[in-house]
Amino acid sequence: MKRTLSYVLAAAFCLAAAARPASAAGSVCVGCHKAQSAALVMEWERSKHARNGVDCLACHKASATDEGSWLHHGERVSAIVTPKTCAQCHGREAEEFSRSHHARAGEILASLDNVLAEKAAGMPGNNADAVNGCLQCHGGLVKFKKDEKGAVLRSGPEGRPVIDPDTWPNSGIGRINPDGSRGSCNACHSRHSFEAKTARSPENCGKCHMGPDHPQIEIYNESKHGIAFDANRDRMALDKDEWVLGRDYSAAPTCATCHIGGHTQKGGAAAGNSHDVGGRISWTLRPVVSAKQNLVVFEDGFKEDYPEPRALPKPGDSVETVEKVREGDALVSRKVTRKVASVLTWQQRRADMTAVCANCHSSDFTGNFYKQFDSLVDLYNEKFARPAKSIMDELTADGVLNAKAPFEHEVQWVYWELWHHEGRRARHGASMMGPDYTHWHGMYEVSKHFYTKFLPAVVEAAREKGPEAEKKWGAKVAELLAKDEHVWVKGLSAKEAEALRKYAKDRYGQ
């Protein structure tokens, strides 16, 4: 009831804004900035914000308790606009986003990804690679420079706060703001026009979802979906207020269509969009070994993925959860006991996705697609990922590898790329119907490097430990390669070799 009331009040606030032009103070901002930053004003002037009386101060006005604020020509303002500001009008969207995977993207700060950026590719000086690379997509802690007493340093006649240049500018999707909120709405809704068509365009997602470890935009462009979008962009109604597949457009799906967009359902009713970007995902394709994803929703709105085979709680159960919160200039873990409101199984999450697919495809088509996709993930898991992970775990237990030195040996680098780059490419390729990324950039690379780099590097790391370890791991690798799925390495059977020779002669005359 309280949440619903807040949405009603926010809507009333916005309707009131829509009925009036920019405020007198806001008009002063516009007049000055036309000379100081003309393009910025031009973008705002063409926006729905401008047409509805949402002016500069509606977003940038701050209170005296905001440590990032200062008095600017008589108005207290802040340069940093956070989801708390946007929630004044967009309460539902802010609430949904705050519980999403996007909002937690800044938690990469302590992961192996950041170890590589800060250590292997970083130093000396500051974390320049992480600052310019990782944090511009994931977001990081925005900080102010402070004196020895902890007070924010200020500069110039207005006393403008000095932002730590290693933390700003930053529009990372999981940016951790000084007010404790997470995210940057302009990561997708580029300022100062904030056009819906920008957020709905695949290129917008491709700013971050690209490259060797998560090439979703490259896969999308390769897929039939991406080809259809490119050919029919002018039919996509990207600028409409409401944007429902099967009602407002039909030419192609974009990233937003499948993962957060509204769509028609059986009977003609429309399912609304959502800013909780992971809600329709039934596999996790990020870790070493993929797992089906269940979702536990708690009474306070907090959500947590429960990958199989993790036991699921029941509605009404009290569960200890761990969340990361900002305390000063640090991100700390906090244990909170919460009561379970509902459980969304991976089957239900998949059903939510297939409801989108049903706007264009038959149930047989979609069901068979998922069968193909599942089989690829299972193949990757069982033939390569689980054996490789088991080997790495046992090498660490044997003392061949040091858990505190994750990139000390060649085998650790090869293993990292095997799952983090090549394995992800294969899985994501299959998930989005990108055949080249599934095979040549994916499973081909996985298999080639598993056999020619990973397994030899296992024996080499053991050899460095000593003769006994080398003997043990040489035997283990030989035992693995003797399994049915790996015996092909020793050569094709006579029948298989003859079939290849016959094909080459018939097809190429050789």
Protein backbone atom coordinates (compact mmCIF):
# COMPACT_ATOMS: atom_id res chain seq x y z
CA MET A 1 0.00 0.00 0.00
CA LYS A 2 2.80 2.37 0.94
CA ARG A 3 4.66 1.64 -2.31
CA THR A 4 1.49 2.11 -4.37
CA LEU A 5 0.82 5.44 -2.68
CA SER A 6 4.35 6.60 -3.49
CA TYR A 7 3.74 5.80 -7.16
CA VAL A 8 0.47 7.76 -7.11
CA LEU A 9 2.15 10.77 -5.54
CA ALA A 10 5.01 10.57 -8.03
CA ALA A 11 2.53 10.45 -10.90
CA ALA A 12 0.68 13.45 -9.50
CA PHE A 13 3.96 15.34 -9.23
CA CYS A 14 4.77 14.61 -12.86
CA LEU A 15 1.30 15.52 -14.10
CA ALA A 16 1.63 18.83 -12.31
CA ALA A 17 4.99 19.36 -14.00
CA ALA A 18 3.44 18.55 -17.37
CA ALA A 19 0.93 21.34 -16.87
CA ARG A 20 3.54 24.07 -16.47
CA PRO A 21 6.51 25.42 -18.41
CA ALA A 22 10.04 25.51 -17.01
CA SER A 23 10.27 27.37 -13.70
CA ALA A 24 11.66 30.88 -13.58
CA ALA A 25 14.86 29.60 -11.96
CA GLY A 26 15.04 26.79 -14.52
CA SER A 27 14.72 29.32 -17.32
CA VAL A 28 17.70 31.17 -15.90
CA CYS A 29 19.72 27.93 -16.06
CA VAL A 30 18.77 27.47 -19.69
CA GLY A 31 19.63 31.05 -20.60
CA CYS A 32 23.13 30.80 -19.15
CA HIS A 33 23.93 27.32 -20.37
CA LYS A 34 22.93 28.21 -23.93
CA ALA A 35 26.14 30.20 -23.95
CA GLN A 36 28.22 27.82 -21.83
CA SER A 37 27.10 24.40 -23.14
CA ALA A 38 24.81 24.99 -26.09
CA ALA A 39 24.57 21.41 -27.34
CA LEU A 40 23.48 20.21 -23.90
CA VAL A 41 20.61 22.70 -23.91
CA MET A 42 19.65 21.78 -27.46
CA GLU A 43 19.33 18.14 -26.44
CA TRP A 44 17.19 19.07 -23.45
CA GLU A 45 14.99 21.36 -25.54
CA ARG A 46 14.05 18.49 -27.87
CA SER A 47 13.27 16.15 -24.97
CA LYS A 48 9.96 15.15 -23.42
CA HIS A 49 11.29 16.59 -20.19
CA ALA A 50 11.39 20.05 -21.74
CA ARG A 51 7.93 19.68 -23.28
CA ASN A 52 6.52 18.67 -19.88
CA GLY A 53 8.15 21.38 -17.81
CA VAL A 54 10.85 19.19 -16.27
CA ASP A 55 13.71 21.68 -16.21
CA CYS A 56 17.32 21.67 -15.00
CA LEU A 57 16.46 22.16 -11.34
CA ALA A 58 13.90 19.36 -11.36
CA CYS A 59 16.87 16.98 -11.70
CA HIS A 60 19.88 18.90 -10.41
CA LYS A 61 18.40 20.68 -7.37
CA ALA A 62 19.99 19.41 -4.15
CA SER A 63 19.71 19.84 -0.40
CA ALA A 64 22.27 21.19 2.04
CA THR A 65 22.78 17.68 3.45
CA ASP A 66 23.96 16.41 0.06
CA GLU A 67 27.76 16.36 0.37
CA GLY A 68 28.07 16.77 -3.38
CA SER A 69 26.04 19.97 -3.55
CA TRP A 70 27.04 23.61 -3.82
CA LEU A 71 25.40 27.02 -4.23
CA HIS A 72 25.38 27.94 -7.89
CA HIS A 73 23.96 31.38 -8.69
CA GLY A 74 21.72 31.19 -5.67
CA GLU A 75 20.48 27.63 -6.24
CA ARG A 76 21.85 24.60 -4.44
CA VAL A 77 22.66 22.00 -7.10
CA SER A 78 24.48 18.72 -7.65
CA ALA A 79 26.20 17.53 -10.82
CA ILE A 80 25.45 13.90 -9.96
CA VAL A 81 21.91 12.83 -10.78
CA THR A 82 21.00 9.46 -9.29
CA PRO A 83 18.08 7.02 -9.54
CA LYS A 84 16.65 8.58 -6.38
CA THR A 85 16.12 11.76 -8.38
CA CYS A 86 14.58 9.94 -11.34
CA ALA A 87 12.31 8.01 -8.95
CA GLN A 88 10.41 11.23 -8.20
CA CYS A 89 8.57 10.62 -11.46
CA HIS A 90 9.66 7.13 -12.48
CA GLY A 91 9.05 5.28 -9.23
CA ARG A 92 8.13 1.89 -10.65
CA GLU A 93 11.10 1.85 -13.01
CA ALA A 94 13.51 2.85 -10.25
CA GLU A 95 12.12 0.17 -7.94
CA GLU A 96 12.44 -2.55 -10.59
CA PHE A 97 15.94 -1.47 -11.54
CA SER A 98 17.14 -1.39 -7.94
CA ARG A 99 16.49 -5.15 -7.63
CA SER A 100 18.04 -6.08 -10.98
CA HIS A 101 21.36 -7.59 -12.05
CA HIS A 102 22.22 -4.24 -13.60
CA ALA A 103 22.04 -2.52 -10.21
CA ARG A 104 24.56 -5.00 -8.79
CA ALA A 105 27.05 -4.63 -11.64
CA GLY A 106 29.32 -2.45 -9.49
CA GLU A 107 30.03 -5.43 -7.24
CA ILE A 108 32.69 -6.50 -9.74
CA LEU A 109 35.03 -4.37 -7.62
CA ALA A 110 36.39 -7.39 -5.74
CA SER A 111 36.25 -10.03 -8.50
CA LEU A 112 39.01 -11.73 -10.48
CA ASP A 113 38.10 -9.51 -13.43
CA ASN A 114 39.20 -6.50 -11.43
CA VAL A 115 42.31 -8.27 -10.16
CA LEU A 116 43.39 -8.54 -13.78
CA ALA A 117 42.58 -4.88 -14.45
CA GLU A 118 44.18 -3.51 -11.28
CA LYS A 119 47.19 -5.83 -11.05
CA ALA A 120 48.03 -7.64 -14.29
CA ALA A 121 47.12 -4.71 -16.56
CA GLY A 122 47.31 -2.03 -13.87
CA MET A 123 49.85 -0.13 -11.75
CA PRO A 124 51.82 2.04 -11.27
CA GLY A 125 50.05 5.17 -10.13
CA ASN A 126 46.35 4.41 -10.05
CA ASN A 127 43.96 1.81 -11.42
CA ALA A 128 43.87 3.41 -14.86
CA ASP A 129 42.80 0.28 -16.73
CA ALA A 130 39.97 -0.50 -14.31
CA VAL A 131 38.87 3.15 -14.23
CA ASN A 132 38.79 3.57 -18.00
CA GLY A 133 37.64 0.05 -18.78
CA CYS A 134 35.79 -2.03 -16.21
CA LEU A 135 34.14 0.75 -14.23
CA GLN A 136 32.76 2.61 -17.26
CA CYS A 137 30.39 -0.31 -17.86
CA HIS A 138 30.01 -1.84 -14.42
CA GLY A 139 30.10 1.37 -12.43
CA GLY A 140 32.04 1.98 -9.26
CA LEU A 141 31.99 3.97 -6.02
CA VAL A 142 31.70 7.70 -6.76
CA LYS A 143 33.85 9.55 -4.22
CA PHE A 144 34.73 13.10 -3.26
CA LYS A 145 38.19 14.28 -2.29
CA LYS A 146 38.33 14.85 1.47
CA ASP A 147 40.64 16.47 3.99
CA GLU A 148 42.20 14.76 7.01
CA LYS A 149 39.03 15.38 9.04
CA GLY A 150 36.82 13.74 6.45
CA ALA A 151 35.28 16.96 5.11
CA VAL A 152 34.72 17.28 1.37
CA LEU A 153 37.33 19.44 -0.34
CA ARG A 154 35.90 22.38 -2.28
CA SER A 155 37.23 24.67 -4.96
CA GLY A 156 36.43 27.99 -6.62
CA PRO A 157 34.38 30.90 -5.34
CA GLU A 158 31.20 28.78 -5.17
CA GLY A 159 32.84 26.01 -3.14
CA ARG A 160 32.16 23.32 -5.70
CA PRO A 161 32.99 19.85 -4.28
CA VAL A 162 36.08 18.16 -5.70
CA ILE A 163 35.13 14.77 -7.13
CA ASP A 164 37.79 12.08 -7.14
CA PRO A 165 38.79 11.97 -10.84
CA ASP A 166 39.32 8.20 -10.64
CA THR A 167 35.58 7.81 -9.93
CA TRP A 168 33.99 10.48 -12.15
CA PRO A 169 32.82 10.86 -14.89
CA ASN A 170 31.15 7.47 -14.77
CA SER A 171 27.82 6.30 -16.20
CA GLY A 172 28.32 2.63 -15.38
CA ILE A 173 25.05 0.74 -15.05
CA GLY A 174 25.80 -0.32 -11.46
CA ARG A 175 27.40 2.93 -10.29
CA ILE A 176 27.32 3.26 -6.51
CA ASN A 177 26.30 6.83 -5.78
CA PRO A 178 27.12 9.01 -2.76
CA ASP A 179 23.45 8.93 -1.73
CA GLY A 180 23.63 5.12 -1.48
CA SER A 181 21.57 4.47 -4.59
CA ARG A 182 22.84 2.24 -7.38
CA GLY A 183 22.89 2.85 -11.06
CA SER A 184 22.98 5.57 -13.63
CA CYS A 185 19.77 5.95 -15.61
CA ASN A 186 21.66 7.75 -18.36
CA ALA A 187 23.72 4.59 -18.94
CA CYS A 188 20.81 3.61 -21.18
CA HIS A 189 18.74 6.80 -21.43
CA SER A 190 21.46 9.12 -22.68
CA ARG A 191 21.31 12.63 -21.28
CA HIS A 192 19.98 15.25 -21.84
CA SER A 193 17.42 14.10 -24.39
CA PHE A 194 16.61 10.84 -22.57
CA GLU A 195 14.96 9.40 -25.67
CA ALA A 196 13.32 6.01 -25.42
CA LYS A 197 14.61 5.07 -28.86
CA THR A 198 18.18 5.24 -27.61
CA ALA A 199 17.55 2.78 -24.79
CA ARG A 200 15.61 0.47 -27.11
CA SER A 201 18.32 0.32 -29.78
CA PRO A 202 20.65 -2.70 -29.71
CA GLU A 203 23.73 -0.50 -30.05
CA ASN A 204 22.95 0.95 -26.65
CA CYS A 205 23.35 -2.44 -24.99
CA GLY A 206 26.40 -3.11 -27.18
CA LYS A 207 28.38 -0.41 -25.38
CA CYS A 208 29.02 -2.98 -22.65
CA HIS A 209 27.75 -6.29 -23.96
CA MET A 210 30.48 -6.84 -26.52
CA GLY A 211 33.99 -8.22 -26.84
CA PRO A 212 35.78 -11.50 -26.15
CA ASP A 213 33.95 -12.52 -22.99
CA HIS A 214 30.35 -11.42 -23.64
CA PRO A 215 29.85 -10.57 -27.33
CA GLN A 216 26.08 -10.23 -27.24
CA ILE A 217 25.95 -7.34 -29.70
CA GLU A 218 28.15 -9.17 -32.21
CA ILE A 219 26.01 -12.29 -31.81
CA TYR A 220 22.80 -10.28 -32.19
CA ASN A 221 24.09 -8.60 -35.36
CA GLU A 222 24.92 -12.04 -36.78
CA SER A 223 21.53 -13.51 -35.89
CA LYS A 224 18.33 -13.44 -37.94
CA HIS A 225 16.91 -11.08 -35.32
CA GLY A 226 19.71 -8.55 -35.82
CA ILE A 227 19.53 -8.80 -39.60
CA ALA A 228 15.77 -8.16 -39.50
CA PHE A 229 16.22 -5.16 -37.22
CA ASP A 230 18.92 -3.62 -39.40
CA ALA A 231 16.72 -3.95 -42.48
CA ASN A 232 13.60 -2.62 -40.76
CA ARG A 233 14.71 0.00 -38.23
CA ASP A 234 12.25 2.50 -39.68
CA ARG A 235 9.38 0.13 -38.87
CA MET A 236 10.34 -0.41 -35.22
CA ALA A 237 8.35 2.49 -33.66
CA LEU A 238 11.28 3.13 -31.32
CA ASP A 239 9.97 6.57 -30.35
CA LYS A 240 6.49 5.54 -29.19
CA ASP A 241 5.46 6.19 -25.60
CA GLU A 242 4.29 2.61 -25.21
CA TRP A 243 6.25 0.01 -27.10
CA VAL A 244 4.54 -3.36 -27.15
CA LEU A 245 5.61 -6.19 -29.46
CA GLY A 246 2.69 -7.42 -31.52
CA ARG A 247 0.82 -4.15 -31.17
CA ASP A 248 3.20 -1.25 -31.86
CA TYR A 249 5.78 -3.09 -33.96
CA SER A 250 6.49 -6.50 -35.43
CA ALA A 251 9.56 -6.28 -37.68
CA ALA A 252 12.18 -7.62 -35.25
CA PRO A 253 13.06 -7.98 -31.58
CA THR A 254 15.86 -5.99 -29.96
CA CYS A 255 17.69 -6.74 -26.71
CA ALA A 256 15.07 -4.70 -24.87
CA THR A 257 12.21 -6.61 -26.53
CA CYS A 258 13.28 -9.98 -25.18
CA HIS A 259 14.70 -9.00 -21.81
CA ILE A 260 12.52 -6.15 -20.53
CA GLY A 261 10.01 -5.15 -23.21
CA GLY A 262 6.23 -5.28 -23.22
CA HIS A 263 4.50 -7.78 -25.50
CA THR A 264 1.08 -9.08 -26.40
CA GLN A 265 -0.11 -12.31 -24.81
CA LYS A 266 -2.73 -14.92 -25.61
CA GLY A 267 -6.09 -13.23 -25.75
CA GLY A 268 -4.61 -9.91 -26.88
CA ALA A 269 -3.75 -8.44 -23.46
CA ALA A 270 -0.41 -6.68 -23.18
CA ALA A 271 2.29 -7.56 -20.65
CA GLY A 272 4.09 -4.42 -19.50
CA ASN A 273 7.78 -3.80 -19.64
CA SER A 274 10.13 -4.13 -16.68
CA HIS A 275 13.47 -2.63 -15.71
CA ASP A 276 14.48 -5.89 -14.00
CA VAL A 277 16.64 -7.10 -16.85
CA GLY A 278 17.31 -10.65 -15.64
CA GLY A 279 13.76 -11.75 -14.93
CA ARG A 280 13.34 -13.89 -18.07
CA ILE A 281 16.71 -15.64 -18.00
CA SER A 282 16.56 -19.36 -17.17
CA TRP A 283 20.27 -20.28 -17.55
CA THR A 284 23.24 -18.50 -16.03
CA LEU A 285 25.84 -18.33 -18.80
CA ARG A 286 28.45 -16.35 -16.87
CA PRO A 287 30.26 -18.80 -14.53
CA VAL A 288 32.58 -21.74 -15.20
CA VAL A 289 29.68 -24.20 -15.18
CA SER A 290 26.21 -23.08 -16.25
CA ALA A 291 23.19 -23.82 -14.08
CA LYS A 292 19.45 -23.32 -14.35
CA GLN A 293 18.39 -20.22 -12.41
CA ASN A 294 15.58 -20.09 -9.87
CA LEU A 295 14.69 -16.77 -8.26
CA VAL A 296 13.71 -16.11 -4.65
CA VAL A 297 11.82 -12.88 -3.99
CA PHE A 298 11.67 -11.57 -0.44
CA GLU A 299 8.94 -9.52 1.20
CA ASP A 300 10.99 -6.31 1.11
CA GLY A 301 11.58 -6.70 -2.65
CA PHE A 302 15.14 -8.05 -2.38
CA LYS A 303 15.84 -10.80 -4.93
CA GLU A 304 18.40 -13.56 -5.07
CA ASP A 305 19.19 -16.12 -7.76
CA TYR A 306 19.29 -19.73 -6.58
CA PRO A 307 21.19 -21.74 -9.22
CA GLU A 308 20.47 -25.45 -9.32
CA PRO A 309 21.04 -27.58 -7.30
CA ARG A 310 20.85 -25.05 -4.43
CA ALA A 311 17.86 -25.98 -2.26
CA LEU A 312 14.92 -23.61 -2.61
CA PRO A 313 13.19 -22.10 0.43
CA LYS A 314 9.40 -21.89 0.64
CA PRO A 315 7.24 -18.77 0.85
CA GLY A 316 7.13 -17.68 4.48
CA ASP A 317 10.58 -19.08 5.32
CA SER A 318 13.12 -16.81 6.99
CA VAL A 319 16.43 -16.81 5.15
CA GLU A 320 19.74 -15.16 5.92
CA THR A 321 20.84 -13.11 2.91
CA VAL A 322 23.97 -11.13 2.16
CA GLU A 323 23.81 -7.75 0.46
CA LYS A 324 26.46 -5.17 -0.27
CA VAL A 325 25.80 -1.64 0.93
CA ARG A 326 27.75 1.59 0.81
CA GLU A 327 29.27 2.76 4.07
CA GLY A 328 31.19 5.99 3.55
CA ASP A 329 33.65 5.34 0.75
CA ALA A 330 33.51 1.55 1.01
CA LEU A 331 31.22 -1.24 -0.16
CA VAL A 332 30.64 -3.70 2.68
CA SER A 333 28.71 -6.95 3.05
CA ARG A 334 25.79 -7.03 5.43
CA LYS A 335 23.81 -10.05 6.60
CA VAL A 336 20.05 -9.54 6.67
CA THR A 337 17.40 -12.10 7.62
CA ARG A 338 14.45 -11.81 5.27
CA LYS A 339 11.12 -13.58 4.80
CA VAL A 340 10.47 -15.27 1.46
CA ALA A 341 7.53 -13.82 -0.47
CA SER A 342 7.63 -16.03 -3.56
CA VAL A 343 9.78 -18.36 -5.61
CA LEU A 344 10.08 -18.12 -9.38
CA THR A 345 11.43 -21.35 -10.84
CA TRP A 346 13.63 -21.48 -13.90
CA GLN A 347 10.71 -23.05 -15.75
CA GLN A 348 8.55 -20.02 -14.92
CA ARG A 349 11.32 -17.64 -15.99
CA ARG A 350 11.59 -19.53 -19.28
CA ALA A 351 7.82 -19.38 -19.71
CA ASP A 352 8.04 -15.58 -19.35
CA MET A 353 10.60 -15.49 -22.16
CA THR A 354 8.70 -17.89 -24.41
CA ALA A 355 5.61 -15.67 -24.02
CA VAL A 356 7.61 -12.99 -25.84
CA CYS A 357 8.74 -15.51 -28.49
CA ALA A 358 5.10 -16.53 -29.05
CA ASN A 359 4.44 -13.19 -30.73
CA CYS A 360 6.44 -14.42 -33.73
CA HIS A 361 7.03 -18.16 -33.33
CA SER A 362 5.02 -21.33 -32.77
CA SER A 363 5.40 -23.33 -29.57
CA ASP A 364 7.13 -26.12 -31.54
CA PHE A 365 9.66 -23.66 -32.96
CA THR A 366 10.45 -22.14 -29.56
CA GLY A 367 10.49 -25.49 -27.77
CA ASN A 368 12.88 -26.99 -30.32
CA PHE A 369 15.11 -23.92 -30.11
CA TYR A 370 15.39 -24.34 -26.34
CA LYS A 371 16.18 -28.03 -26.82
CA GLN A 372 19.07 -27.13 -29.13
CA PHE A 373 20.28 -24.39 -26.77
CA ASP A 374 20.09 -26.63 -23.69
CA SER A 375 22.00 -29.41 -25.46
CA LEU A 376 24.87 -27.05 -26.30
CA VAL A 377 25.12 -25.83 -22.71
CA ASP A 378 25.01 -29.41 -21.43
CA LEU A 379 27.75 -30.42 -23.89
CA TYR A 380 29.99 -27.56 -22.77
CA ASN A 381 29.30 -28.31 -19.09
CA GLU A 382 29.88 -32.05 -19.17
CA LYS A 383 32.70 -32.46 -21.67
CA PHE A 384 34.84 -29.45 -20.81
CA ALA A 385 33.72 -27.22 -17.93
CA ARG A 386 33.15 -29.72 -15.12
CA PRO A 387 36.33 -31.74 -15.88
CA ALA A 388 38.41 -28.55 -16.13
CA LYS A 389 37.02 -27.14 -12.88
CA SER A 390 37.59 -30.45 -11.09
CA ILE A 391 41.19 -30.48 -12.28
CA MET A 392 41.82 -26.91 -11.12
CA ASP A 393 40.23 -27.57 -7.72
CA GLU A 394 42.35 -30.68 -7.21
CA LEU A 395 45.55 -28.95 -8.37
CA THR A 396 44.91 -26.31 -5.71
CA ALA A 397 44.22 -28.97 -3.06
CA ASP A 398 47.49 -30.70 -4.05
CA GLY A 399 49.44 -27.48 -3.59
CA VAL A 400 50.37 -27.35 -7.28
CA LEU A 401 48.45 -24.08 -7.54
CA ASN A 402 48.25 -21.31 -4.97
CA ALA A 403 44.73 -19.97 -4.44
CA LYS A 404 46.21 -16.58 -3.49
CA ALA A 405 48.06 -16.35 -6.82
CA PRO A 406 45.29 -16.90 -9.37
CA PHE A 407 47.44 -16.13 -12.43
CA GLU A 408 50.84 -17.52 -11.40
CA HIS A 409 50.95 -20.42 -13.88
CA GLU A 410 50.15 -20.74 -17.56
CA VAL A 411 47.38 -23.22 -16.77
CA GLN A 412 45.50 -20.57 -14.79
CA TRP A 413 45.49 -18.14 -17.73
CA VAL A 414 44.39 -20.84 -20.16
CA TYR A 415 41.64 -22.01 -17.82
CA TRP A 416 40.40 -18.42 -17.36
CA GLU A 417 40.00 -17.86 -21.07
CA LEU A 418 38.57 -21.35 -21.58
CA TRP A 419 35.43 -20.52 -19.58
CA HIS A 420 35.46 -16.74 -19.23
CA HIS A 421 35.99 -16.02 -22.93
CA GLU A 422 35.56 -19.05 -25.17
CA GLY A 423 32.98 -20.92 -23.10
CA ARG A 424 30.85 -17.81 -22.65
CA ARG A 425 30.99 -17.05 -26.36
CA ALA A 426 29.73 -20.54 -27.19
CA ARG A 427 26.91 -20.42 -24.67
CA HIS A 428 25.79 -16.90 -25.55
CA GLY A 429 26.03 -17.74 -29.24
CA ALA A 430 23.62 -20.62 -28.81
CA SER A 431 21.28 -18.56 -26.63
CA MET A 432 20.85 -15.90 -29.32
CA MET A 433 21.07 -18.00 -32.49
CA GLY A 434 24.55 -16.87 -33.54
CA PRO A 435 26.05 -19.96 -35.25
CA ASP A 436 29.53 -18.56 -35.88
CA TYR A 437 29.94 -17.49 -32.27
CA THR A 438 28.55 -20.82 -31.08
CA HIS A 439 31.11 -22.84 -33.04
CA TRP A 440 34.14 -21.04 -34.49
CA HIS A 441 34.47 -18.36 -31.80
CA GLY A 442 33.09 -20.71 -29.16
CA MET A 443 33.19 -24.50 -29.02
CA TYR A 444 35.99 -24.76 -31.58
CA GLU A 445 38.19 -22.53 -29.40
CA VAL A 446 37.10 -24.36 -26.24
CA SER A 447 38.01 -27.77 -27.65
CA LYS A 448 41.25 -26.67 -29.32
CA HIS A 449 42.58 -25.02 -26.19
CA PHE A 450 41.31 -27.74 -23.84
CA TYR A 451 43.35 -30.36 -25.72
CA THR A 452 46.37 -28.38 -26.92
CA LYS A 453 46.87 -25.85 -24.12
CA PHE A 454 44.95 -26.64 -20.95
CA LEU A 455 45.79 -30.32 -20.43
CA PRO A 456 49.50 -29.88 -21.34
CA ALA A 457 49.65 -26.87 -19.00
CA VAL A 458 48.18 -29.03 -16.19
CA VAL A 459 51.06 -31.49 -16.52
CA GLU A 460 53.60 -28.66 -16.80
CA ALA A 461 52.35 -27.00 -13.59
CA ALA A 462 52.58 -30.36 -11.83
CA ARG A 463 56.13 -30.88 -13.18
CA GLU A 464 57.18 -27.61 -11.55
CA LYS A 465 55.87 -28.96 -8.25
CA GLY A 466 58.02 -32.08 -8.50
CA PRO A 467 58.44 -35.55 -10.12
CA GLU A 468 55.76 -37.17 -7.99
CA ALA A 469 53.15 -34.53 -8.90
CA GLU A 470 54.13 -34.74 -12.57
CA LYS A 471 53.67 -38.51 -12.59
CA LYS A 472 50.30 -38.26 -10.83
CA TRP A 473 48.89 -35.62 -13.18
CA GLY A 474 50.32 -37.22 -16.30
CA ALA A 475 48.36 -40.36 -15.38
CA LYS A 476 45.21 -38.35 -14.60
CA VAL A 477 45.28 -36.59 -17.96
CA ALA A 478 45.82 -39.92 -19.75
CA GLU A 479 42.86 -41.39 -17.86
CA LEU A 480 40.66 -38.46 -18.87
CA LEU A 481 41.65 -38.76 -22.54
CA ALA A 482 40.75 -42.45 -22.50
CA LYS A 483 37.07 -41.61 -22.00
CA ASP A 484 34.74 -42.10 -24.96
CA GLU A 485 34.23 -38.39 -25.62
CA HIS A 486 37.98 -37.80 -25.92
CA VAL A 487 39.33 -40.91 -27.69
CA TRP A 488 39.05 -39.20 -31.07
CA VAL A 489 42.29 -37.34 -30.21
CA LYS A 490 44.24 -40.56 -30.88
CA GLY A 491 42.86 -40.69 -34.39
CA LEU A 492 39.68 -41.43 -36.30
CA SER A 493 38.58 -44.99 -36.82
CA ALA A 494 39.39 -46.61 -40.16
CA LYS A 495 35.72 -46.32 -41.14
CA GLU A 496 35.60 -42.59 -40.26
CA ALA A 497 38.86 -41.88 -42.10
CA GLU A 498 37.62 -43.70 -45.21
CA ALA A 499 34.36 -41.74 -45.16
CA LEU A 500 36.33 -38.46 -45.10
CA ARG A 501 38.55 -39.56 -47.98
CA LYS A 502 35.51 -40.60 -50.03
CA TYR A 503 33.73 -37.29 -49.33
CA ALA A 504 36.78 -35.25 -50.36
CA LYS A 505 37.11 -37.23 -53.59
CA ASP A 506 33.41 -36.97 -54.46
CA ARG A 507 33.07 -33.29 -53.49
CA TYR A 508 36.39 -31.84 -54.59
CA GLY A 509 37.82 -34.45 -56.92
CA GLN A 510 40.78 -34.97 -54.58
